[in-house]
Amino acid sequence: MLAAKHDVIAVVPQDPAEEALPPGRGFLQLRDLESGRHVAVSLSARTRRAYADQMRARRAALAQDFYRVPMDHVFVSTDQSPVEPLLSLFARRMAQ
């Protein structure tokens, strides 16, 4: 609703540590901070592919939602400067 009346840009931080499972073998013990539930996640190649596929699908769905609104957006990696992605976005907007 905000984007319908105002110029809104979504800046989506992306942590590389959340985009892929850590290297190694075995299982990773995780705990949900809200529920306290514990779960063991296999670090097999199949699990890594499935996790990476889900993260790509999540990003694509989010981008599709922004396009549907329509609302400009930029994905910014937390391990790099946000300046370049933002400058690229503003340059594209000026060229339109």
PDB file of N, CA and C in Angstrom:
ATOM      1  N   MET A   1       0.812  -1.182   0.000  1.00  0.00           N
ATOM      2  CA  MET A   1       0.000   0.000   0.000  1.00  0.00           C
ATOM      3  C   MET A   1       0.861   1.253   0.000  1.00  0.00           C
ATOM      4  N   LEU A   2       1.967   1.188   0.729  1.00  0.00           N
ATOM      5  CA  LEU A   2       2.861   2.339   0.793  1.00  0.00           C
ATOM      6  C   LEU A   2       3.452   2.654  -0.575  1.00  0.00           C
ATOM      7  N   ALA A   3       3.856   1.605  -1.307  1.00  0.00           N
ATOM      8  CA  ALA A   3       4.474   1.794  -2.623  1.00  0.00           C
ATOM      9  C   ALA A   3       3.489   2.335  -3.651  1.00  0.00           C
ATOM     10  N   ALA A   4       2.191   2.172  -3.423  1.00  0.00           N
ATOM     11  CA  ALA A   4       1.201   2.678  -4.369  1.00  0.00           C
ATOM     12  C   ALA A   4       1.139   4.201  -4.353  1.00  0.00           C
ATOM     13  N   LYS A   5       1.477   4.807  -3.216  1.00  0.00           N
ATOM     14  CA  LYS A   5       1.378   6.263  -3.095  1.00  0.00           C
ATOM     15  C   LYS A   5       2.717   6.965  -2.950  1.00  0.00           C
ATOM     16  N   HIS A   6       3.765   6.211  -2.657  1.00  0.00           N
ATOM     17  CA  HIS A   6       5.072   6.805  -2.392  1.00  0.00           C
ATOM     18  C   HIS A   6       6.162   6.074  -3.171  1.00  0.00           C
ATOM     19  N   ASP A   7       7.286   6.744  -3.327  1.00  0.00           N
ATOM     20  CA  ASP A   7       8.447   6.122  -3.960  1.00  0.00           C
ATOM     21  C   ASP A   7       9.189   5.320  -2.895  1.00  0.00           C
ATOM     22  N   VAL A   8       9.037   4.008  -2.946  1.00  0.00           N
ATOM     23  CA  VAL A   8       9.619   3.130  -1.932  1.00  0.00           C
ATOM     24  C   VAL A   8      10.631   2.208  -2.595  1.00  0.00           C
ATOM     25  N   ILE A   9      11.766   2.040  -1.959  1.00  0.00           N
ATOM     26  CA  ILE A   9      12.796   1.116  -2.428  1.00  0.00           C
ATOM     27  C   ILE A   9      13.063   0.118  -1.310  1.00  0.00           C
ATOM     28  N   ALA A  10      12.954  -1.154  -1.623  1.00  0.00           N
ATOM     29  CA  ALA A  10      13.256  -2.201  -0.644  1.00  0.00           C
ATOM     30  C   ALA A  10      14.739  -2.533  -0.733  1.00  0.00           C
ATOM     31  N   VAL A  11      15.428  -2.422   0.380  1.00  0.00           N
ATOM     32  CA  VAL A  11      16.831  -2.830   0.472  1.00  0.00           C
ATOM     33  C   VAL A  11      16.829  -4.112   1.296  1.00  0.00           C
ATOM     34  N   VAL A  12      17.166  -5.219   0.637  1.00  0.00           N
ATOM     35  CA  VAL A  12      17.087  -6.536   1.263  1.00  0.00           C
ATOM     36  C   VAL A  12      18.494  -7.012   1.616  1.00  0.00           C
ATOM     37  N   PRO A  13      18.836  -7.036   2.911  1.00  0.00           N
ATOM     38  CA  PRO A  13      20.157  -7.544   3.290  1.00  0.00           C
ATOM     39  C   PRO A  13      20.207  -9.057   3.115  1.00  0.00           C
ATOM     40  N   GLN A  14      21.339  -9.529   2.617  1.00  0.00           N
ATOM     41  CA  GLN A  14      21.537 -10.967   2.448  1.00  0.00           C
ATOM     42  C   GLN A  14      22.851 -11.363   3.097  1.00  0.00           C
ATOM     43  N   ASP A  15      22.765 -12.241   4.068  1.00  0.00           N
ATOM     44  CA  ASP A  15      23.944 -12.738   4.757  1.00  0.00           C
ATOM     45  C   ASP A  15      24.426 -14.000   4.051  1.00  0.00           C
ATOM     46  N   PRO A  16      25.656 -13.979   3.504  1.00  0.00           N
ATOM     47  CA  PRO A  16      26.165 -15.177   2.812  1.00  0.00           C
ATOM     48  C   PRO A  16      26.142 -16.427   3.692  1.00  0.00           C
ATOM     49  N   ALA A  17      26.249 -16.247   4.998  1.00  0.00           N
ATOM     50  CA  ALA A  17      26.210 -17.403   5.898  1.00  0.00           C
ATOM     51  C   ALA A  17      24.851 -18.079   5.894  1.00  0.00           C
ATOM     52  N   GLU A  18      23.813 -17.372   5.456  1.00  0.00           N
ATOM     53  CA  GLU A  18      22.478 -17.949   5.409  1.00  0.00           C
ATOM     54  C   GLU A  18      22.134 -18.525   4.039  1.00  0.00           C
ATOM     55  N   GLU A  19      22.983 -18.296   3.050  1.00  0.00           N
ATOM     56  CA  GLU A  19      22.677 -18.746   1.694  1.00  0.00           C
ATOM     57  C   GLU A  19      23.164 -20.154   1.394  1.00  0.00           C
ATOM     58  N   ALA A  20      24.066 -20.671   2.199  1.00  0.00           N
ATOM     59  CA  ALA A  20      24.583 -22.024   1.993  1.00  0.00           C
ATOM     60  C   ALA A  20      24.909 -22.637   3.350  1.00  0.00           C
ATOM     61  N   LEU A  21      24.779 -23.936   3.425  1.00  0.00           N
ATOM     62  CA  LEU A  21      25.151 -24.623   4.659  1.00  0.00           C
ATOM     63  C   LEU A  21      26.671 -24.593   4.813  1.00  0.00           C
ATOM     64  N   PRO A  22      27.166 -24.599   6.037  1.00  0.00           N
ATOM     65  CA  PRO A  22      28.614 -24.534   6.248  1.00  0.00           C
ATOM     66  C   PRO A  22      29.321 -25.788   5.729  1.00  0.00           C
ATOM     67  N   PRO A  23      30.609 -25.651   5.387  1.00  0.00           N
ATOM     68  CA  PRO A  23      31.354 -26.823   4.903  1.00  0.00           C
ATOM     69  C   PRO A  23      31.529 -27.851   6.015  1.00  0.00           C
ATOM     70  N   GLY A  24      31.768 -29.068   5.596  1.00  0.00           N
ATOM     71  CA  GLY A  24      32.008 -30.129   6.568  1.00  0.00           C
ATOM     72  C   GLY A  24      31.072 -31.294   6.341  1.00  0.00           C
ATOM     73  N   ARG A  25      31.212 -32.280   7.213  1.00  0.00           N
ATOM     74  CA  ARG A  25      30.413 -33.497   7.138  1.00  0.00           C
ATOM     75  C   ARG A  25      29.600 -33.662   8.404  1.00  0.00           C
ATOM     76  N   GLY A  26      28.689 -34.599   8.353  1.00  0.00           N
ATOM     77  CA  GLY A  26      27.933 -34.942   9.544  1.00  0.00           C
ATOM     78  C   GLY A  26      26.635 -34.177   9.642  1.00  0.00           C
ATOM     79  N   PHE A  27      26.349 -33.725  10.861  1.00  0.00           N
ATOM     80  CA  PHE A  27      25.098 -33.040  11.126  1.00  0.00           C
ATOM     81  C   PHE A  27      25.368 -31.714  11.826  1.00  0.00           C
ATOM     82  N   LEU A  28      24.463 -30.811  11.637  1.00  0.00           N
ATOM     83  CA  LEU A  28      24.528 -29.501  12.260  1.00  0.00           C
ATOM     84  C   LEU A  28      23.353 -29.421  13.233  1.00  0.00           C
ATOM     85  N   GLN A  29      23.640 -29.147  14.493  1.00  0.00           N
ATOM     86  CA  GLN A  29      22.585 -29.022  15.502  1.00  0.00           C
ATOM     87  C   GLN A  29      22.098 -27.577  15.518  1.00  0.00           C
ATOM     88  N   LEU A  30      20.797 -27.381  15.302  1.00  0.00           N
ATOM     89  CA  LEU A  30      20.213 -26.042  15.295  1.00  0.00           C
ATOM     90  C   LEU A  30      19.125 -25.955  16.349  1.00  0.00           C
ATOM     91  N   ARG A  31      18.929 -24.732  16.873  1.00  0.00           N
ATOM     92  CA  ARG A  31      17.868 -24.499  17.845  1.00  0.00           C
ATOM     93  C   ARG A  31      17.072 -23.282  17.413  1.00  0.00           C
ATOM     94  N   ASP A  32      15.772 -23.436  17.357  1.00  0.00           N
ATOM     95  CA  ASP A  32      14.865 -22.329  17.049  1.00  0.00           C
ATOM     96  C   ASP A  32      14.789 -21.459  18.301  1.00  0.00           C
ATOM     97  N   LEU A  33      15.206 -20.199  18.196  1.00  0.00           N
ATOM     98  CA  LEU A  33      15.244 -19.326  19.358  1.00  0.00           C
ATOM     99  C   LEU A  33      13.860 -18.999  19.904  1.00  0.00           C
ATOM    100  N   GLU A  34      12.849 -19.032  19.045  1.00  0.00           N
ATOM    101  CA  GLU A  34      11.501 -18.713  19.517  1.00  0.00           C
ATOM    102  C   GLU A  34      10.835 -19.887  20.234  1.00  0.00           C
ATOM    103  N   SER A  35      10.951 -21.066  19.653  1.00  0.00           N
ATOM    104  CA  SER A  35      10.265 -22.221  20.236  1.00  0.00           C
ATOM    105  C   SER A  35      11.174 -23.049  21.145  1.00  0.00           C
ATOM    106  N   GLY A  36      12.487 -22.889  20.983  1.00  0.00           N
ATOM    107  CA  GLY A  36      13.422 -23.700  21.762  1.00  0.00           C
ATOM    108  C   GLY A  36      13.620 -25.091  21.184  1.00  0.00           C
ATOM    109  N   ARG A  37      12.958 -25.393  20.073  1.00  0.00           N
ATOM    110  CA  ARG A  37      13.038 -26.711  19.448  1.00  0.00           C
ATOM    111  C   ARG A  37      14.420 -26.944  18.849  1.00  0.00           C
ATOM    112  N   HIS A  38      14.951 -28.145  19.011  1.00  0.00           N
ATOM    113  CA  HIS A  38      16.242 -28.530  18.450  1.00  0.00           C
ATOM    114  C   HIS A  38      16.023 -29.429  17.245  1.00  0.00           C
ATOM    115  N   VAL A  39      16.899 -29.281  16.252  1.00  0.00           N
ATOM    116  CA  VAL A  39      16.813 -30.123  15.065  1.00  0.00           C
ATOM    117  C   VAL A  39      18.235 -30.392  14.563  1.00  0.00           C
ATOM    118  N   ALA A  40      18.449 -31.583  14.038  1.00  0.00           N
ATOM    119  CA  ALA A  40      19.730 -31.947  13.443  1.00  0.00           C
ATOM    120  C   ALA A  40      19.572 -31.900  11.926  1.00  0.00           C
ATOM    121  N   VAL A  41      20.462 -31.172  11.257  1.00  0.00           N
ATOM    122  CA  VAL A  41      20.417 -31.025   9.805  1.00  0.00           C
ATOM    123  C   VAL A  41      21.622 -31.736   9.206  1.00  0.00           C
ATOM    124  N   SER A  42      21.370 -32.647   8.283  1.00  0.00           N
ATOM    125  CA  SER A  42      22.436 -33.368   7.605  1.00  0.00           C
ATOM    126  C   SER A  42      23.207 -32.415   6.702  1.00  0.00           C
ATOM    127  N   LEU A  43      24.506 -32.579   6.631  1.00  0.00           N
ATOM    128  CA  LEU A  43      25.339 -31.769   5.746  1.00  0.00           C
ATOM    129  C   LEU A  43      25.706 -32.546   4.478  1.00  0.00           C
ATOM    130  N   SER A  44      24.810 -33.416   4.046  1.00  0.00           N
ATOM    131  CA  SER A  44      25.048 -34.196   2.832  1.00  0.00           C
ATOM    132  C   SER A  44      24.927 -33.306   1.597  1.00  0.00           C
ATOM    133  N   ALA A  45      25.437 -33.798   0.476  1.00  0.00           N
ATOM    134  CA  ALA A  45      25.369 -33.048  -0.779  1.00  0.00           C
ATOM    135  C   ALA A  45      23.910 -32.818  -1.180  1.00  0.00           C
ATOM    136  N   ARG A  46      23.068 -33.789  -0.956  1.00  0.00           N
ATOM    137  CA  ARG A  46      21.644 -33.658  -1.292  1.00  0.00           C
ATOM    138  C   ARG A  46      20.983 -32.549  -0.467  1.00  0.00           C
ATOM    139  N   THR A  47      21.277 -32.509   0.815  1.00  0.00           N
ATOM    140  CA  THR A  47      20.712 -31.480   1.689  1.00  0.00           C
ATOM    141  C   THR A  47      21.231 -30.104   1.297  1.00  0.00           C
ATOM    142  N   ARG A  48      22.513 -30.029   0.967  1.00  0.00           N
ATOM    143  CA  ARG A  48      23.090 -28.743   0.544  1.00  0.00           C
ATOM    144  C   ARG A  48      22.412 -28.214  -0.720  1.00  0.00           C
ATOM    145  N   ARG A  49      22.194 -29.104  -1.686  1.00  0.00           N
ATOM    146  CA  ARG A  49      21.510 -28.692  -2.924  1.00  0.00           C
ATOM    147  C   ARG A  49      20.083 -28.230  -2.639  1.00  0.00           C
ATOM    148  N   ALA A  50      19.385 -28.993  -1.819  1.00  0.00           N
ATOM    149  CA  ALA A  50      18.000 -28.648  -1.489  1.00  0.00           C
ATOM    150  C   ALA A  50      17.943 -27.301  -0.768  1.00  0.00           C
ATOM    151  N   TYR A  51      18.865 -27.076   0.151  1.00  0.00           N
ATOM    152  CA  TYR A  51      18.899 -25.803   0.884  1.00  0.00           C
ATOM    153  C   TYR A  51      19.206 -24.647  -0.072  1.00  0.00           C
ATOM    154  N   ALA A  52      20.201 -24.825  -0.928  1.00  0.00           N
ATOM    155  CA  ALA A  52      20.560 -23.778  -1.895  1.00  0.00           C
ATOM    156  C   ALA A  52      19.395 -23.500  -2.848  1.00  0.00           C
ATOM    157  N   ASP A  53      18.699 -24.552  -3.282  1.00  0.00           N
ATOM    158  CA  ASP A  53      17.534 -24.380  -4.157  1.00  0.00           C
ATOM    159  C   ASP A  53      16.435 -23.591  -3.450  1.00  0.00           C
ATOM    160  N   GLN A  54      16.193 -23.897  -2.189  1.00  0.00           N
ATOM    161  CA  GLN A  54      15.171 -23.184  -1.425  1.00  0.00           C
ATOM    162  C   GLN A  54      15.539 -21.717  -1.246  1.00  0.00           C
ATOM    163  N   MET A  55      16.799 -21.427  -1.010  1.00  0.00           N
ATOM    164  CA  MET A  55      17.225 -20.037  -0.837  1.00  0.00           C
ATOM    165  C   MET A  55      17.086 -19.260  -2.144  1.00  0.00           C
ATOM    166  N   ARG A  56      17.423 -19.896  -3.278  1.00  0.00           N
ATOM    167  CA  ARG A  56      17.232 -19.245  -4.581  1.00  0.00           C
ATOM    168  C   ARG A  56      15.753 -18.995  -4.860  1.00  0.00           C
ATOM    169  N   ALA A  57      14.925 -19.975  -4.543  1.00  0.00           N
ATOM    170  CA  ALA A  57      13.481 -19.836  -4.756  1.00  0.00           C
ATOM    171  C   ALA A  57      12.912 -18.734  -3.866  1.00  0.00           C
ATOM    172  N   ARG A  58      13.405 -18.627  -2.653  1.00  0.00           N
ATOM    173  CA  ARG A  58      12.937 -17.582  -1.737  1.00  0.00           C
ATOM    174  C   ARG A  58      13.275 -16.200  -2.287  1.00  0.00           C
ATOM    175  N   ARG A  59      14.508 -16.060  -2.771  1.00  0.00           N
ATOM    176  CA  ARG A  59      14.925 -14.766  -3.333  1.00  0.00           C
ATOM    177  C   ARG A  59      14.115 -14.435  -4.588  1.00  0.00           C
ATOM    178  N   ALA A  60      13.899 -15.403  -5.445  1.00  0.00           N
ATOM    179  CA  ALA A  60      13.128 -15.182  -6.668  1.00  0.00           C
ATOM    180  C   ALA A  60      11.685 -14.805  -6.338  1.00  0.00           C
ATOM    181  N   ALA A  61      11.091 -15.461  -5.359  1.00  0.00           N
ATOM    182  CA  ALA A  61       9.719 -15.151  -4.963  1.00  0.00           C
ATOM    183  C   ALA A  61       9.629 -13.747  -4.384  1.00  0.00           C
ATOM    184  N   LEU A  62      10.608 -13.364  -3.614  1.00  0.00           N
ATOM    185  CA  LEU A  62      10.630 -12.017  -3.041  1.00  0.00           C
ATOM    186  C   LEU A  62      10.755 -10.971  -4.144  1.00  0.00           C
ATOM    187  N   ALA A  63      11.652 -11.211  -5.097  1.00  0.00           N
ATOM    188  CA  ALA A  63      11.812 -10.284  -6.224  1.00  0.00           C
ATOM    189  C   ALA A  63      10.519 -10.202  -7.031  1.00  0.00           C
ATOM    190  N   GLN A  64       9.872 -11.347  -7.252  1.00  0.00           N
ATOM    191  CA  GLN A  64       8.604 -11.360  -7.985  1.00  0.00           C
ATOM    192  C   GLN A  64       7.542 -10.548  -7.253  1.00  0.00           C
ATOM    193  N   ASP A  65       7.510 -10.644  -5.945  1.00  0.00           N
ATOM    194  CA  ASP A  65       6.557  -9.849  -5.159  1.00  0.00           C
ATOM    195  C   ASP A  65       6.825  -8.356  -5.334  1.00  0.00           C
ATOM    196  N   PHE A  66       8.088  -7.968  -5.356  1.00  0.00           N
ATOM    197  CA  PHE A  66       8.425  -6.554  -5.548  1.00  0.00           C
ATOM    198  C   PHE A  66       8.013  -6.079  -6.944  1.00  0.00           C
ATOM    199  N   TYR A  67       8.208  -6.919  -7.958  1.00  0.00           N
ATOM    200  CA  TYR A  67       7.817  -6.555  -9.324  1.00  0.00           C
ATOM    201  C   TYR A  67       6.299  -6.426  -9.436  1.00  0.00           C
ATOM    202  N   ARG A  68       5.581  -7.283  -8.721  1.00  0.00           N
ATOM    203  CA  ARG A  68       4.130  -7.282  -8.783  1.00  0.00           C
ATOM    204  C   ARG A  68       3.535  -6.001  -8.186  1.00  0.00           C
ATOM    205  N   VAL A  69       4.205  -5.412  -7.202  1.00  0.00           N
ATOM    206  CA  VAL A  69       3.643  -4.256  -6.480  1.00  0.00           C
ATOM    207  C   VAL A  69       3.405  -3.048  -7.377  1.00  0.00           C
ATOM    208  N   PRO A  70       4.187  -2.497  -8.191  1.00  0.00           N
ATOM    209  CA  PRO A  70       5.634  -2.600  -8.422  1.00  0.00           C
ATOM    210  C   PRO A  70       6.424  -1.719  -7.446  1.00  0.00           C
ATOM    211  N   MET A  71       7.599  -2.222  -7.077  1.00  0.00           N
ATOM    212  CA  MET A  71       8.466  -1.506  -6.156  1.00  0.00           C
ATOM    213  C   MET A  71       9.918  -1.857  -6.479  1.00  0.00           C
ATOM    214  N   ASP A  72      10.754  -0.818  -6.610  1.00  0.00           N
ATOM    215  CA  ASP A  72      12.174  -1.068  -6.835  1.00  0.00           C
ATOM    216  C   ASP A  72      12.762  -1.764  -5.615  1.00  0.00           C
ATOM    217  N   HIS A  73      13.749  -2.588  -5.871  1.00  0.00           N
ATOM    218  CA  HIS A  73      14.400  -3.316  -4.779  1.00  0.00           C
ATOM    219  C   HIS A  73      15.847  -3.581  -5.145  1.00  0.00           C
ATOM    220  N   VAL A  74      16.635  -3.836  -4.124  1.00  0.00           N
ATOM    221  CA  VAL A  74      18.035  -4.186  -4.324  1.00  0.00           C
ATOM    222  C   VAL A  74      18.432  -5.171  -3.221  1.00  0.00           C
ATOM    223  N   PHE A  75      19.138  -6.208  -3.621  1.00  0.00           N
ATOM    224  CA  PHE A  75      19.672  -7.176  -2.669  1.00  0.00           C
ATOM    225  C   PHE A  75      21.103  -6.757  -2.342  1.00  0.00           C
ATOM    226  N   VAL A  76      21.406  -6.640  -1.054  1.00  0.00           N
ATOM    227  CA  VAL A  76      22.716  -6.162  -0.613  1.00  0.00           C
ATOM    228  C   VAL A  76      23.345  -7.222   0.287  1.00  0.00           C
ATOM    229  N   SER A  77      24.526  -7.669  -0.093  1.00  0.00           N
ATOM    230  CA  SER A  77      25.243  -8.654   0.706  1.00  0.00           C
ATOM    231  C   SER A  77      25.832  -7.982   1.945  1.00  0.00           C
ATOM    232  N   THR A  78      25.697  -8.652   3.082  1.00  0.00           N
ATOM    233  CA  THR A  78      26.185  -8.066   4.331  1.00  0.00           C
ATOM    234  C   THR A  78      27.708  -8.113   4.450  1.00  0.00           C
ATOM    235  N   ASP A  79      28.379  -8.857   3.580  1.00  0.00           N
ATOM    236  CA  ASP A  79      29.841  -8.915   3.648  1.00  0.00           C
ATOM    237  C   ASP A  79      30.509  -7.971   2.649  1.00  0.00           C
ATOM    238  N   GLN A  80      29.724  -7.123   1.999  1.00  0.00           N
ATOM    239  CA  GLN A  80      30.259  -6.153   1.045  1.00  0.00           C
ATOM    240  C   GLN A  80      29.623  -4.793   1.302  1.00  0.00           C
ATOM    241  N   SER A  81      30.205  -3.786   0.718  1.00  0.00           N
ATOM    242  CA  SER A  81      29.655  -2.444   0.837  1.00  0.00           C
ATOM    243  C   SER A  81      28.321  -2.359   0.093  1.00  0.00           C
ATOM    244  N   PRO A  82      27.330  -1.698   0.669  1.00  0.00           N
ATOM    245  CA  PRO A  82      26.049  -1.540  -0.018  1.00  0.00           C
ATOM    246  C   PRO A  82      26.066  -0.448  -1.083  1.00  0.00           C
ATOM    247  N   VAL A  83      27.160   0.277  -1.196  1.00  0.00           N
ATOM    248  CA  VAL A  83      27.217   1.432  -2.087  1.00  0.00           C
ATOM    249  C   VAL A  83      27.023   1.036  -3.551  1.00  0.00           C
ATOM    250  N   GLU A  84      27.752   0.054  -4.049  1.00  0.00           N
ATOM    251  CA  GLU A  84      27.664  -0.328  -5.462  1.00  0.00           C
ATOM    252  C   GLU A  84      26.258  -0.774  -5.876  1.00  0.00           C
ATOM    253  N   PRO A  85      25.641  -1.686  -5.144  1.00  0.00           N
ATOM    254  CA  PRO A  85      24.288  -2.086  -5.552  1.00  0.00           C
ATOM    255  C   PRO A  85      23.302  -0.910  -5.546  1.00  0.00           C
ATOM    256  N   LEU A  86      23.428  -0.029  -4.578  1.00  0.00           N
ATOM    257  CA  LEU A  86      22.531   1.126  -4.516  1.00  0.00           C
ATOM    258  C   LEU A  86      22.798   2.099  -5.663  1.00  0.00           C
ATOM    259  N   LEU A  87      24.079   2.349  -5.949  1.00  0.00           N
ATOM    260  CA  LEU A  87      24.413   3.234  -7.073  1.00  0.00           C
ATOM    261  C   LEU A  87      23.899   2.661  -8.392  1.00  0.00           C
ATOM    262  N   SER A  88      24.007   1.351  -8.563  1.00  0.00           N
ATOM    263  CA  SER A  88      23.501   0.706  -9.781  1.00  0.00           C
ATOM    264  C   SER A  88      21.993   0.879  -9.894  1.00  0.00           C
ATOM    265  N   LEU A  89      21.291   0.720  -8.794  1.00  0.00           N
ATOM    266  CA  LEU A  89      19.850   0.905  -8.804  1.00  0.00           C
ATOM    267  C   LEU A  89      19.482   2.337  -9.188  1.00  0.00           C
ATOM    268  N   PHE A  90      20.145   3.309  -8.571  1.00  0.00           N
ATOM    269  CA  PHE A  90      19.834   4.710  -8.867  1.00  0.00           C
ATOM    270  C   PHE A  90      20.203   5.070 -10.305  1.00  0.00           C
ATOM    271  N   ALA A  91      21.282   4.496 -10.832  1.00  0.00           N
ATOM    272  CA  ALA A  91      21.659   4.742 -12.224  1.00  0.00           C
ATOM    273  C   ALA A  91      20.591   4.200 -13.175  1.00  0.00           C
ATOM    274  N   ARG A  92      20.077   2.985 -12.882  1.00  0.00           N
ATOM    275  CA  ARG A  92      19.009   2.407 -13.706  1.00  0.00           C
ATOM    276  C   ARG A  92      17.751   3.274 -13.644  1.00  0.00           C
ATOM    277  N   ARG A  93      17.455   3.795 -12.491  1.00  0.00           N
ATOM    278  CA  ARG A  93      16.268   4.641 -12.349  1.00  0.00           C
ATOM    279  C   ARG A  93      16.413   5.945 -13.126  1.00  0.00           C
ATOM    280  N   MET A  94      17.615   6.505 -13.147  1.00  0.00           N
ATOM    281  CA  MET A  94      17.831   7.754 -13.882  1.00  0.00           C
ATOM    282  C   MET A  94      17.747   7.525 -15.384  1.00  0.00           C
ATOM    283  N   ALA A  95      18.138   6.327 -15.852  1.00  0.00           N
ATOM    284  CA  ALA A  95      18.127   6.024 -17.281  1.00  0.00           C
ATOM    285  C   ALA A  95      16.699   5.771 -17.794  1.00  0.00           C
ATOM    286  N   GLN A  96      15.773   5.550 -16.936  1.00  0.00           N
ATOM    287  CA  GLN A  96      14.393   5.246 -17.363  1.00  0.00           C
ATOM    288  C   GLN A  96      13.660   6.482 -17.799  1.00  0.00           C
TER     289      GLN A  96
END
